[in-house]
Amino acid sequence: MRILLAGATGVIGRALLPQLLEQGHEVVAMSHSPDKLDALRAQGAEAVAADALDADAVAQAVTAAHPQAVIHQLTAIPPRINPRTMERDFAQNDRLRTEGTANLLAAAKAAGAGRFIAQSIAFAYAPGPPGTVHTEHDPLLSPGQAPKEFRRSAGAIAELERSVLDASGVVLRYGYFYGPGSSISRGGSMAAGVSRRRMPIVGSGSGVWSFVHVADAASATVAALQLQGPKVLNVVDDEPARVSEWIPALAGALGAPAPRRVPALLAKLVAGSYGTAVMTGAQGASNAAARSELAWSPRYPSWREGFRSGL
């Protein structure tokens, strides 16, 4: 299949490109940075530079590529995430989810691409009863429900998913990434925070996160090329993880000291409402549908093994 991969130099794009090429697909890798094109070509892809927020540039790039499928992995995630300044720091990322998605969808339609796959997240569900593990049928967090720092992002996620599904595309809700190039890696910012004891367990650490190794996220994306949309799938590992368990496990995998513990009220003063919410109230997601519909299974079924050997 001939594929245009937008965001080919991002965390998931770097893991996805070699897997697509290994499967025999022809890939046109799109990057915002012209200076990265030679490296993409050296891997065996065609390459093109385009600003995803420039509709004309995107249309030209996609038309020239003649793709049968478009994979949208565009992000602008800051290297270090500060929960208190998320609204400012994620402005570009939210524009890519809204304007960038609209530009890619329009270009894909004009080019006659029959498949469209887009990145979303599995940690933006509206909260359910304690212990909920979310399926794709559960509602997303609305801007009105979200902490102030995350309101615009919640709206951008909903807009991305709505527009892709309206175009009969496939939305993949990835869990928190770990592995090479991500913030949870040997050189990543979150791992550095854990190593320096700057990422404490907040309150009882009752928040639940769902993780996925970047290579497993990539393999699910390759498998999703077979799907006809509209379709939404959670792409996460098998074991939702309590904060009180996964932060100490990550510290152990990194050879770092045990994490500190801080009261939730104190954490809210430092990390804001969103930072406290994800540590104390987050809920996990189920991968049952992805396992069934993609005939996919993660190489790292649990973050426990993944943290030990997959960072």
C-alpha atoms as a PDB file:
ATOM      1  CA  MET A   1       0.000   0.000   0.000  1.00  0.00           C
ATOM      2  CA  ARG A   2       1.191   3.532  -0.721  1.00  0.00           C
ATOM      3  CA  ILE A   3       1.037   5.583   2.485  1.00  0.00           C
ATOM      4  CA  LEU A   4       1.607   9.196   3.450  1.00  0.00           C
ATOM      5  CA  LEU A   5       2.867   9.327   7.046  1.00  0.00           C
ATOM      6  CA  ALA A   6       2.396  12.791   8.548  1.00  0.00           C
ATOM      7  CA  GLY A   7       4.519  13.339  11.632  1.00  0.00           C
ATOM      8  CA  ALA A   8       7.145  10.828  10.563  1.00  0.00           C
ATOM      9  CA  THR A   9       9.814  12.232  12.892  1.00  0.00           C
ATOM     10  CA  GLY A  10       7.707  12.262  16.061  1.00  0.00           C
ATOM     11  CA  VAL A  11       7.863   9.676  18.845  1.00  0.00           C
ATOM     12  CA  ILE A  12       5.398   7.272  17.225  1.00  0.00           C
ATOM     13  CA  GLY A  13       6.406   8.194  13.675  1.00  0.00           C
ATOM     14  CA  ARG A  14      10.013   7.134  14.301  1.00  0.00           C
ATOM     15  CA  ALA A  15       8.829   3.725  15.506  1.00  0.00           C
ATOM     16  CA  LEU A  16       6.165   3.381  12.819  1.00  0.00           C
ATOM     17  CA  LEU A  17       8.168   4.207   9.689  1.00  0.00           C
ATOM     18  CA  PRO A  18      10.527   1.188   9.818  1.00  0.00           C
ATOM     19  CA  GLN A  19       7.639  -1.169  10.566  1.00  0.00           C
ATOM     20  CA  LEU A  20       5.694   0.096   7.549  1.00  0.00           C
ATOM     21  CA  LEU A  21       8.738  -0.314   5.318  1.00  0.00           C
ATOM     22  CA  GLU A  22       9.434  -3.806   6.678  1.00  0.00           C
ATOM     23  CA  GLN A  23       5.880  -4.785   5.739  1.00  0.00           C
ATOM     24  CA  GLY A  24       6.539  -3.744   2.143  1.00  0.00           C
ATOM     25  CA  HIS A  25       4.536  -0.521   2.100  1.00  0.00           C
ATOM     26  CA  GLU A  26       5.674   2.461   0.045  1.00  0.00           C
ATOM     27  CA  VAL A  27       5.897   5.399   2.429  1.00  0.00           C
ATOM     28  CA  VAL A  28       6.011   9.118   1.777  1.00  0.00           C
ATOM     29  CA  ALA A  29       7.214  10.581   5.070  1.00  0.00           C
ATOM     30  CA  MET A  30       6.033  14.127   5.774  1.00  0.00           C
ATOM     31  CA  SER A  31       7.932  16.302   8.240  1.00  0.00           C
ATOM     32  CA  HIS A  32       7.751  19.941   9.238  1.00  0.00           C
ATOM     33  CA  SER A  33      11.556  20.154   9.146  1.00  0.00           C
ATOM     34  CA  PRO A  34      13.375  20.146   5.764  1.00  0.00           C
ATOM     35  CA  ASP A  35      16.631  19.242   7.505  1.00  0.00           C
ATOM     36  CA  LYS A  36      15.197  15.843   8.507  1.00  0.00           C
ATOM     37  CA  LEU A  37      14.328  14.701   4.996  1.00  0.00           C
ATOM     38  CA  ASP A  38      17.696  13.132   4.156  1.00  0.00           C
ATOM     39  CA  ALA A  39      17.496  10.907   7.245  1.00  0.00           C
ATOM     40  CA  LEU A  40      14.006   9.775   6.248  1.00  0.00           C
ATOM     41  CA  ARG A  41      15.176   8.959   2.723  1.00  0.00           C
ATOM     42  CA  ALA A  42      18.138   7.035   4.130  1.00  0.00           C
ATOM     43  CA  GLN A  43      15.644   4.696   5.821  1.00  0.00           C
ATOM     44  CA  GLY A  44      14.010   3.920   2.480  1.00  0.00           C
ATOM     45  CA  ALA A  45      11.085   6.347   2.445  1.00  0.00           C
ATOM     46  CA  GLU A  46      10.254   9.147   0.077  1.00  0.00           C
ATOM     47  CA  ALA A  47      10.188  12.410   1.999  1.00  0.00           C
ATOM     48  CA  VAL A  48       8.513  15.793   1.797  1.00  0.00           C
ATOM     49  CA  ALA A  49       8.525  18.873   4.016  1.00  0.00           C
ATOM     50  CA  ALA A  50       5.241  20.644   4.742  1.00  0.00           C
ATOM     51  CA  ASP A  51       3.773  22.754   7.511  1.00  0.00           C
ATOM     52  CA  ALA A  52       0.623  20.897   8.599  1.00  0.00           C
ATOM     53  CA  LEU A  53      -1.044  24.223   9.442  1.00  0.00           C
ATOM     54  CA  ASP A  54      -0.579  25.456   5.862  1.00  0.00           C
ATOM     55  CA  ALA A  55      -3.533  23.999   3.953  1.00  0.00           C
ATOM     56  CA  ASP A  56      -2.014  24.686   0.531  1.00  0.00           C
ATOM     57  CA  ALA A  57       1.309  23.053   1.455  1.00  0.00           C
ATOM     58  CA  VAL A  58      -0.450  19.987   2.826  1.00  0.00           C
ATOM     59  CA  ALA A  59      -2.668  19.699  -0.246  1.00  0.00           C
ATOM     60  CA  GLN A  60       0.366  19.909  -2.525  1.00  0.00           C
ATOM     61  CA  ALA A  61       2.308  17.301  -0.531  1.00  0.00           C
ATOM     62  CA  VAL A  62      -0.555  14.811  -0.327  1.00  0.00           C
ATOM     63  CA  THR A  63      -1.577  15.245  -3.970  1.00  0.00           C
ATOM     64  CA  ALA A  64       1.996  14.634  -5.124  1.00  0.00           C
ATOM     65  CA  ALA A  65       2.222  11.515  -2.948  1.00  0.00           C
ATOM     66  CA  HIS A  66      -0.848   9.807  -4.486  1.00  0.00           C
ATOM     67  CA  PRO A  67      -1.448   7.837  -1.266  1.00  0.00           C
ATOM     68  CA  GLN A  68      -3.891   5.012  -0.756  1.00  0.00           C
ATOM     69  CA  ALA A  69      -3.769   5.737   2.980  1.00  0.00           C
ATOM     70  CA  VAL A  70      -2.891   8.718   5.164  1.00  0.00           C
ATOM     71  CA  ILE A  71      -1.622   8.211   8.721  1.00  0.00           C
ATOM     72  CA  HIS A  72      -1.884  11.280  10.961  1.00  0.00           C
ATOM     73  CA  GLN A  73       0.744  11.271  13.736  1.00  0.00           C
ATOM     74  CA  LEU A  74       1.193  15.030  13.967  1.00  0.00           C
ATOM     75  CA  THR A  75       2.048  16.323  17.442  1.00  0.00           C
ATOM     76  CA  ALA A  76       3.887  19.192  19.082  1.00  0.00           C
ATOM     77  CA  ILE A  77       4.429  17.817  22.590  1.00  0.00           C
ATOM     78  CA  PRO A  78       6.868  19.885  24.660  1.00  0.00           C
ATOM     79  CA  PRO A  79       9.943  17.934  25.803  1.00  0.00           C
ATOM     80  CA  ARG A  80       9.099  18.645  29.435  1.00  0.00           C
ATOM     81  CA  ILE A  81       5.449  18.807  30.485  1.00  0.00           C
ATOM     82  CA  ASN A  82       4.515  21.208  33.271  1.00  0.00           C
ATOM     83  CA  PRO A  83       0.879  20.589  34.285  1.00  0.00           C
ATOM     84  CA  ARG A  84       0.462  24.202  35.424  1.00  0.00           C
ATOM     85  CA  THR A  85       1.413  25.640  32.023  1.00  0.00           C
ATOM     86  CA  MET A  86      -0.272  23.045  29.817  1.00  0.00           C
ATOM     87  CA  GLU A  87      -2.739  25.504  28.335  1.00  0.00           C
ATOM     88  CA  ARG A  88       0.109  27.624  26.985  1.00  0.00           C
ATOM     89  CA  ASP A  89       2.513  24.802  26.154  1.00  0.00           C
ATOM     90  CA  PHE A  90      -0.021  22.689  24.216  1.00  0.00           C
ATOM     91  CA  ALA A  91      -1.370  25.489  22.009  1.00  0.00           C
ATOM     92  CA  GLN A  92       0.486  24.235  18.919  1.00  0.00           C
ATOM     93  CA  ASN A  93      -0.434  20.624  19.615  1.00  0.00           C
ATOM     94  CA  ASP A  94      -4.116  21.559  19.885  1.00  0.00           C
ATOM     95  CA  ARG A  95      -3.919  23.416  16.581  1.00  0.00           C
ATOM     96  CA  LEU A  96      -2.453  20.314  14.943  1.00  0.00           C
ATOM     97  CA  ARG A  97      -5.391  18.296  16.312  1.00  0.00           C
ATOM     98  CA  THR A  98      -7.902  20.749  14.874  1.00  0.00           C
ATOM     99  CA  GLU A  99      -6.499  22.730  11.932  1.00  0.00           C
ATOM    100  CA  GLY A 100      -3.867  20.150  11.021  1.00  0.00           C
ATOM    101  CA  THR A 101      -6.435  17.347  11.020  1.00  0.00           C
ATOM    102  CA  ALA A 102      -8.810  19.369   8.857  1.00  0.00           C
ATOM    103  CA  ASN A 103      -6.021  20.108   6.370  1.00  0.00           C
ATOM    104  CA  LEU A 104      -4.954  16.465   6.143  1.00  0.00           C
ATOM    105  CA  LEU A 105      -8.526  15.187   5.800  1.00  0.00           C
ATOM    106  CA  ALA A 106      -9.294  17.627   2.993  1.00  0.00           C
ATOM    107  CA  ALA A 107      -6.077  16.754   1.170  1.00  0.00           C
ATOM    108  CA  ALA A 108      -6.614  13.001   1.616  1.00  0.00           C
ATOM    109  CA  LYS A 109     -10.137  13.264   0.214  1.00  0.00           C
ATOM    110  CA  ALA A 110      -8.970  15.302  -2.768  1.00  0.00           C
ATOM    111  CA  ALA A 111      -6.183  12.782  -3.451  1.00  0.00           C
ATOM    112  CA  GLY A 112      -8.587   9.839  -3.316  1.00  0.00           C
ATOM    113  CA  ALA A 113      -6.968   8.122  -0.318  1.00  0.00           C
ATOM    114  CA  GLY A 114      -9.208   5.280   0.843  1.00  0.00           C
ATOM    115  CA  ARG A 115      -7.817   4.993   4.395  1.00  0.00           C
ATOM    116  CA  PHE A 116      -7.255   7.623   7.086  1.00  0.00           C
ATOM    117  CA  ILE A 117      -5.818   6.789  10.520  1.00  0.00           C
ATOM    118  CA  ALA A 118      -5.362   9.400  13.236  1.00  0.00           C
ATOM    119  CA  GLN A 119      -3.685   9.515  16.640  1.00  0.00           C
ATOM    120  CA  SER A 120      -5.787  10.239  19.716  1.00  0.00           C
ATOM    121  CA  ILE A 121      -5.347   9.393  23.403  1.00  0.00           C
ATOM    122  CA  ALA A 122      -6.839   6.800  25.749  1.00  0.00           C
ATOM    123  CA  PHE A 123      -6.639   9.068  28.804  1.00  0.00           C
ATOM    124  CA  ALA A 124      -9.290  11.638  27.925  1.00  0.00           C
ATOM    125  CA  TYR A 125     -12.398   9.722  28.970  1.00  0.00           C
ATOM    126  CA  ALA A 126     -15.061  11.276  31.155  1.00  0.00           C
ATOM    127  CA  PRO A 127     -14.667   9.857  34.674  1.00  0.00           C
ATOM    128  CA  GLY A 128     -16.771   6.836  35.585  1.00  0.00           C
ATOM    129  CA  PRO A 129     -17.350   5.067  38.898  1.00  0.00           C
ATOM    130  CA  PRO A 130     -14.209   4.131  40.854  1.00  0.00           C
ATOM    131  CA  GLY A 131     -12.427   1.216  39.223  1.00  0.00           C
ATOM    132  CA  THR A 132     -13.739   1.920  35.711  1.00  0.00           C
ATOM    133  CA  VAL A 133     -11.613   0.573  32.860  1.00  0.00           C
ATOM    134  CA  HIS A 134     -12.865   2.463  29.825  1.00  0.00           C
ATOM    135  CA  THR A 135     -13.990   0.971  26.548  1.00  0.00           C
ATOM    136  CA  GLU A 136     -14.409   2.803  23.274  1.00  0.00           C
ATOM    137  CA  HIS A 137     -18.141   3.203  23.954  1.00  0.00           C
ATOM    138  CA  ASP A 138     -17.535   5.465  26.950  1.00  0.00           C
ATOM    139  CA  PRO A 139     -17.849   9.249  26.476  1.00  0.00           C
ATOM    140  CA  LEU A 140     -14.848  11.519  26.227  1.00  0.00           C
ATOM    141  CA  LEU A 141     -14.135  14.230  28.738  1.00  0.00           C
ATOM    142  CA  SER A 142     -15.959  17.402  27.705  1.00  0.00           C
ATOM    143  CA  PRO A 143     -14.278  20.804  28.055  1.00  0.00           C
ATOM    144  CA  GLY A 144     -16.767  21.640  30.804  1.00  0.00           C
ATOM    145  CA  GLN A 145     -15.681  18.588  32.797  1.00  0.00           C
ATOM    146  CA  ALA A 146     -11.961  19.132  32.312  1.00  0.00           C
ATOM    147  CA  PRO A 147      -9.585  20.977  34.649  1.00  0.00           C
ATOM    148  CA  LYS A 148      -8.867  24.490  33.410  1.00  0.00           C
ATOM    149  CA  GLU A 149      -5.414  23.579  32.090  1.00  0.00           C
ATOM    150  CA  PHE A 150      -6.881  20.838  29.875  1.00  0.00           C
ATOM    151  CA  ARG A 151     -10.128  22.400  28.628  1.00  0.00           C
ATOM    152  CA  ARG A 152      -8.923  23.526  25.217  1.00  0.00           C
ATOM    153  CA  SER A 153      -7.082  20.240  24.703  1.00  0.00           C
ATOM    154  CA  ALA A 154     -10.206  18.255  25.579  1.00  0.00           C
ATOM    155  CA  GLY A 155     -12.113  20.200  22.947  1.00  0.00           C
ATOM    156  CA  ALA A 156      -9.353  19.651  20.380  1.00  0.00           C
ATOM    157  CA  ILE A 157      -9.359  15.885  20.989  1.00  0.00           C
ATOM    158  CA  ALA A 158     -13.135  15.740  20.561  1.00  0.00           C
ATOM    159  CA  GLU A 159     -12.938  17.782  17.355  1.00  0.00           C
ATOM    160  CA  LEU A 160     -10.205  15.571  15.903  1.00  0.00           C
ATOM    161  CA  GLU A 161     -12.139  12.395  16.594  1.00  0.00           C
ATOM    162  CA  ARG A 162     -15.433  13.773  15.331  1.00  0.00           C
ATOM    163  CA  SER A 163     -13.954  14.985  12.048  1.00  0.00           C
ATOM    164  CA  VAL A 164     -12.041  11.746  11.388  1.00  0.00           C
ATOM    165  CA  LEU A 165     -15.027   9.531  12.157  1.00  0.00           C
ATOM    166  CA  ASP A 166     -17.313  11.714  10.040  1.00  0.00           C
ATOM    167  CA  ALA A 167     -14.891  11.013   7.181  1.00  0.00           C
ATOM    168  CA  SER A 168     -15.091   7.244   7.862  1.00  0.00           C
ATOM    169  CA  GLY A 169     -11.572   7.188   9.266  1.00  0.00           C
ATOM    170  CA  VAL A 170      -9.979   5.215  12.090  1.00  0.00           C
ATOM    171  CA  VAL A 171      -9.081   6.795  15.442  1.00  0.00           C
ATOM    172  CA  LEU A 172      -6.443   5.077  17.586  1.00  0.00           C
ATOM    173  CA  ARG A 173      -6.523   6.101  21.232  1.00  0.00           C
ATOM    174  CA  TYR A 174      -2.986   5.408  22.415  1.00  0.00           C
ATOM    175  CA  GLY A 175      -2.069   5.002  26.065  1.00  0.00           C
ATOM    176  CA  TYR A 176       0.826   6.814  27.692  1.00  0.00           C
ATOM    177  CA  PHE A 177       3.918   6.108  25.606  1.00  0.00           C
ATOM    178  CA  TYR A 178       7.079   4.651  27.028  1.00  0.00           C
ATOM    179  CA  GLY A 179      10.192   3.464  25.230  1.00  0.00           C
ATOM    180  CA  PRO A 180      12.761   5.087  22.910  1.00  0.00           C
ATOM    181  CA  GLY A 181      12.160   8.748  22.190  1.00  0.00           C
ATOM    182  CA  SER A 182       9.318   9.151  24.698  1.00  0.00           C
ATOM    183  CA  SER A 183       9.312  11.008  28.004  1.00  0.00           C
ATOM    184  CA  ILE A 184       9.442   7.618  29.771  1.00  0.00           C
ATOM    185  CA  SER A 185      12.786   6.439  28.413  1.00  0.00           C
ATOM    186  CA  ARG A 186      16.373   6.479  29.571  1.00  0.00           C
ATOM    187  CA  GLY A 187      16.783  10.045  28.348  1.00  0.00           C
ATOM    188  CA  GLY A 188      13.184  11.205  28.773  1.00  0.00           C
ATOM    189  CA  SER A 189      11.924  14.054  30.920  1.00  0.00           C
ATOM    190  CA  MET A 190       9.505  11.986  33.018  1.00  0.00           C
ATOM    191  CA  ALA A 191      12.153   9.385  33.740  1.00  0.00           C
ATOM    192  CA  ALA A 192      14.490  12.200  34.750  1.00  0.00           C
ATOM    193  CA  GLY A 193      11.839  13.526  37.128  1.00  0.00           C
ATOM    194  CA  VAL A 194      11.460  10.102  38.714  1.00  0.00           C
ATOM    195  CA  SER A 195      15.234   9.684  38.989  1.00  0.00           C
ATOM    196  CA  ARG A 196      15.549  13.051  40.757  1.00  0.00           C
ATOM    197  CA  ARG A 197      12.579  12.315  43.056  1.00  0.00           C
ATOM    198  CA  ARG A 198      10.658  15.176  41.483  1.00  0.00           C
ATOM    199  CA  MET A 199       7.701  13.011  40.502  1.00  0.00           C
ATOM    200  CA  PRO A 200       6.072  11.972  43.761  1.00  0.00           C
ATOM    201  CA  ILE A 201       3.143   9.719  44.543  1.00  0.00           C
ATOM    202  CA  VAL A 202       0.290  12.124  45.183  1.00  0.00           C
ATOM    203  CA  GLY A 203      -2.081  11.232  48.004  1.00  0.00           C
ATOM    204  CA  SER A 204      -2.729   7.495  47.931  1.00  0.00           C
ATOM    205  CA  GLY A 205      -1.627   7.278  44.284  1.00  0.00           C
ATOM    206  CA  SER A 206      -5.089   6.057  43.296  1.00  0.00           C
ATOM    207  CA  GLY A 207      -4.951   7.322  39.729  1.00  0.00           C
ATOM    208  CA  VAL A 208      -4.809   4.586  37.064  1.00  0.00           C
ATOM    209  CA  TRP A 209      -2.824   4.955  33.841  1.00  0.00           C
ATOM    210  CA  SER A 210      -2.808   2.760  30.750  1.00  0.00           C
ATOM    211  CA  PHE A 211       0.557   2.496  28.999  1.00  0.00           C
ATOM    212  CA  VAL A 212       1.779   1.260  25.629  1.00  0.00           C
ATOM    213  CA  HIS A 213       5.325   0.771  24.387  1.00  0.00           C
ATOM    214  CA  VAL A 214       6.008   2.872  21.293  1.00  0.00           C
ATOM    215  CA  ALA A 215       6.851  -0.232  19.228  1.00  0.00           C
ATOM    216  CA  ASP A 216       3.531  -1.821  20.233  1.00  0.00           C
ATOM    217  CA  ALA A 217       1.659   1.364  19.330  1.00  0.00           C
ATOM    218  CA  ALA A 218       3.364   1.256  15.940  1.00  0.00           C
ATOM    219  CA  SER A 219       2.505  -2.403  15.296  1.00  0.00           C
ATOM    220  CA  ALA A 220      -1.158  -1.740  16.117  1.00  0.00           C
ATOM    221  CA  THR A 221      -1.130   1.158  13.672  1.00  0.00           C
ATOM    222  CA  VAL A 222       0.243  -1.027  10.893  1.00  0.00           C
ATOM    223  CA  ALA A 223      -2.486  -3.580  11.634  1.00  0.00           C
ATOM    224  CA  ALA A 224      -5.147  -0.844  11.551  1.00  0.00           C
ATOM    225  CA  LEU A 225      -4.498  -0.288   7.835  1.00  0.00           C
ATOM    226  CA  GLN A 226      -6.809  -3.258   7.229  1.00  0.00           C
ATOM    227  CA  LEU A 227      -9.768  -1.594   8.958  1.00  0.00           C
ATOM    228  CA  GLN A 228     -12.684   0.149   7.330  1.00  0.00           C
ATOM    229  CA  GLY A 229     -13.924   3.141   9.305  1.00  0.00           C
ATOM    230  CA  PRO A 230     -15.504   4.741  11.083  1.00  0.00           C
ATOM    231  CA  LYS A 231     -13.785   2.995  13.965  1.00  0.00           C
ATOM    232  CA  VAL A 232     -12.260   3.882  17.353  1.00  0.00           C
ATOM    233  CA  LEU A 233      -9.841   1.601  19.206  1.00  0.00           C
ATOM    234  CA  ASN A 234      -7.882   1.867  22.447  1.00  0.00           C
ATOM    235  CA  VAL A 235      -4.233   0.915  21.884  1.00  0.00           C
ATOM    236  CA  VAL A 236      -2.928   0.122  25.363  1.00  0.00           C
ATOM    237  CA  ASP A 237      -1.306  -2.777  27.164  1.00  0.00           C
ATOM    238  CA  ASP A 238      -3.170  -5.419  29.172  1.00  0.00           C
ATOM    239  CA  GLU A 239      -2.680  -4.024  32.667  1.00  0.00           C
ATOM    240  CA  PRO A 240      -3.952  -0.621  33.811  1.00  0.00           C
ATOM    241  CA  ALA A 241      -1.486   0.683  36.396  1.00  0.00           C
ATOM    242  CA  ARG A 242      -2.066   2.457  39.696  1.00  0.00           C
ATOM    243  CA  VAL A 243       0.201   5.450  40.217  1.00  0.00           C
ATOM    244  CA  SER A 244       1.210   3.981  43.590  1.00  0.00           C
ATOM    245  CA  GLU A 245       2.587   0.950  41.712  1.00  0.00           C
ATOM    246  CA  TRP A 246       3.989   2.235  38.439  1.00  0.00           C
ATOM    247  CA  ILE A 247       6.074   5.149  39.735  1.00  0.00           C
ATOM    248  CA  PRO A 248       8.034   2.933  42.163  1.00  0.00           C
ATOM    249  CA  ALA A 249       8.398   0.287  39.433  1.00  0.00           C
ATOM    250  CA  LEU A 250       9.793   2.889  37.037  1.00  0.00           C
ATOM    251  CA  ALA A 251      12.182   4.129  39.715  1.00  0.00           C
ATOM    252  CA  GLY A 252      13.363   0.562  40.244  1.00  0.00           C
ATOM    253  CA  ALA A 253      13.872  -0.005  36.523  1.00  0.00           C
ATOM    254  CA  LEU A 254      15.952   3.176  36.333  1.00  0.00           C
ATOM    255  CA  GLY A 255      17.978   2.331  39.449  1.00  0.00           C
ATOM    256  CA  ALA A 256      16.576   5.478  41.070  1.00  0.00           C
ATOM    257  CA  PRO A 257      15.603   6.147  44.694  1.00  0.00           C
ATOM    258  CA  ALA A 258      12.075   5.379  45.847  1.00  0.00           C
ATOM    259  CA  PRO A 259       9.643   8.229  45.081  1.00  0.00           C
ATOM    260  CA  ARG A 260       8.474  10.715  47.660  1.00  0.00           C
ATOM    261  CA  ARG A 261       4.848  10.931  48.791  1.00  0.00           C
ATOM    262  CA  VAL A 262       3.011  14.244  49.061  1.00  0.00           C
ATOM    263  CA  PRO A 263      -0.542  15.123  50.149  1.00  0.00           C
ATOM    264  CA  ALA A 264      -2.981  15.899  47.340  1.00  0.00           C
ATOM    265  CA  LEU A 265      -3.674  19.419  48.640  1.00  0.00           C
ATOM    266  CA  LEU A 266       0.025  20.288  48.577  1.00  0.00           C
ATOM    267  CA  ALA A 267       0.425  18.762  45.111  1.00  0.00           C
ATOM    268  CA  LYS A 268      -2.441  20.881  43.801  1.00  0.00           C
ATOM    269  CA  LEU A 269      -0.587  24.041  44.825  1.00  0.00           C
ATOM    270  CA  VAL A 270       2.482  22.923  42.883  1.00  0.00           C
ATOM    271  CA  ALA A 271       1.075  20.950  39.951  1.00  0.00           C
ATOM    272  CA  GLY A 272      -2.387  22.491  39.559  1.00  0.00           C
ATOM    273  CA  SER A 273      -5.750  20.797  39.125  1.00  0.00           C
ATOM    274  CA  TYR A 274      -4.822  18.720  36.077  1.00  0.00           C
ATOM    275  CA  GLY A 275      -1.564  17.405  37.494  1.00  0.00           C
ATOM    276  CA  THR A 276      -3.306  16.350  40.699  1.00  0.00           C
ATOM    277  CA  ALA A 277      -6.250  14.809  38.837  1.00  0.00           C
ATOM    278  CA  VAL A 278      -4.119  12.488  36.705  1.00  0.00           C
ATOM    279  CA  MET A 279      -2.279  11.256  39.796  1.00  0.00           C
ATOM    280  CA  THR A 280      -5.355  10.659  41.953  1.00  0.00           C
ATOM    281  CA  GLY A 281      -8.389  10.252  39.689  1.00  0.00           C
ATOM    282  CA  ALA A 282      -7.245   8.962  36.280  1.00  0.00           C
ATOM    283  CA  GLN A 283      -8.812   5.735  34.977  1.00  0.00           C
ATOM    284  CA  GLY A 284      -7.460   3.068  32.652  1.00  0.00           C
ATOM    285  CA  ALA A 285      -8.602   1.731  29.293  1.00  0.00           C
ATOM    286  CA  SER A 286      -9.288  -1.710  27.830  1.00  0.00           C
ATOM    287  CA  ASN A 287      -7.509  -3.096  24.762  1.00  0.00           C
ATOM    288  CA  ALA A 288     -10.004  -5.938  24.189  1.00  0.00           C
ATOM    289  CA  ALA A 289     -11.404  -4.437  20.990  1.00  0.00           C
ATOM    290  CA  ALA A 290      -7.965  -3.792  19.479  1.00  0.00           C
ATOM    291  CA  ARG A 291      -6.831  -7.322  20.291  1.00  0.00           C
ATOM    292  CA  SER A 292      -9.938  -8.734  18.620  1.00  0.00           C
ATOM    293  CA  GLU A 293     -10.342  -6.479  15.592  1.00  0.00           C
ATOM    294  CA  LEU A 294      -6.664  -6.099  14.724  1.00  0.00           C
ATOM    295  CA  ALA A 295      -5.539  -9.621  15.660  1.00  0.00           C
ATOM    296  CA  TRP A 296      -2.900  -7.673  17.588  1.00  0.00           C
ATOM    297  CA  SER A 297      -1.128  -8.360  20.829  1.00  0.00           C
ATOM    298  CA  PRO A 298       1.493  -6.147  22.453  1.00  0.00           C
ATOM    299  CA  ARG A 299       5.048  -7.381  22.723  1.00  0.00           C
ATOM    300  CA  TYR A 300       4.952  -5.949  26.239  1.00  0.00           C
ATOM    301  CA  PRO A 301       1.574  -7.032  27.677  1.00  0.00           C
ATOM    302  CA  SER A 302       2.411  -5.259  30.937  1.00  0.00           C
ATOM    303  CA  TRP A 303       4.307  -2.114  31.787  1.00  0.00           C
ATOM    304  CA  ARG A 304       5.969  -4.154  34.556  1.00  0.00           C
ATOM    305  CA  GLU A 305       8.045  -6.109  32.058  1.00  0.00           C
ATOM    306  CA  GLY A 306       8.217  -3.165  29.680  1.00  0.00           C
ATOM    307  CA  PHE A 307       9.797  -0.842  32.218  1.00  0.00           C
ATOM    308  CA  ARG A 308      12.427  -3.474  33.020  1.00  0.00           C
ATOM    309  CA  SER A 309      13.439  -4.259  29.452  1.00  0.00           C
ATOM    310  CA  GLY A 310      11.795  -1.836  27.021  1.00  0.00           C
ATOM    311  CA  LEU A 311      13.042   1.605  27.991  1.00  0.00           C
END
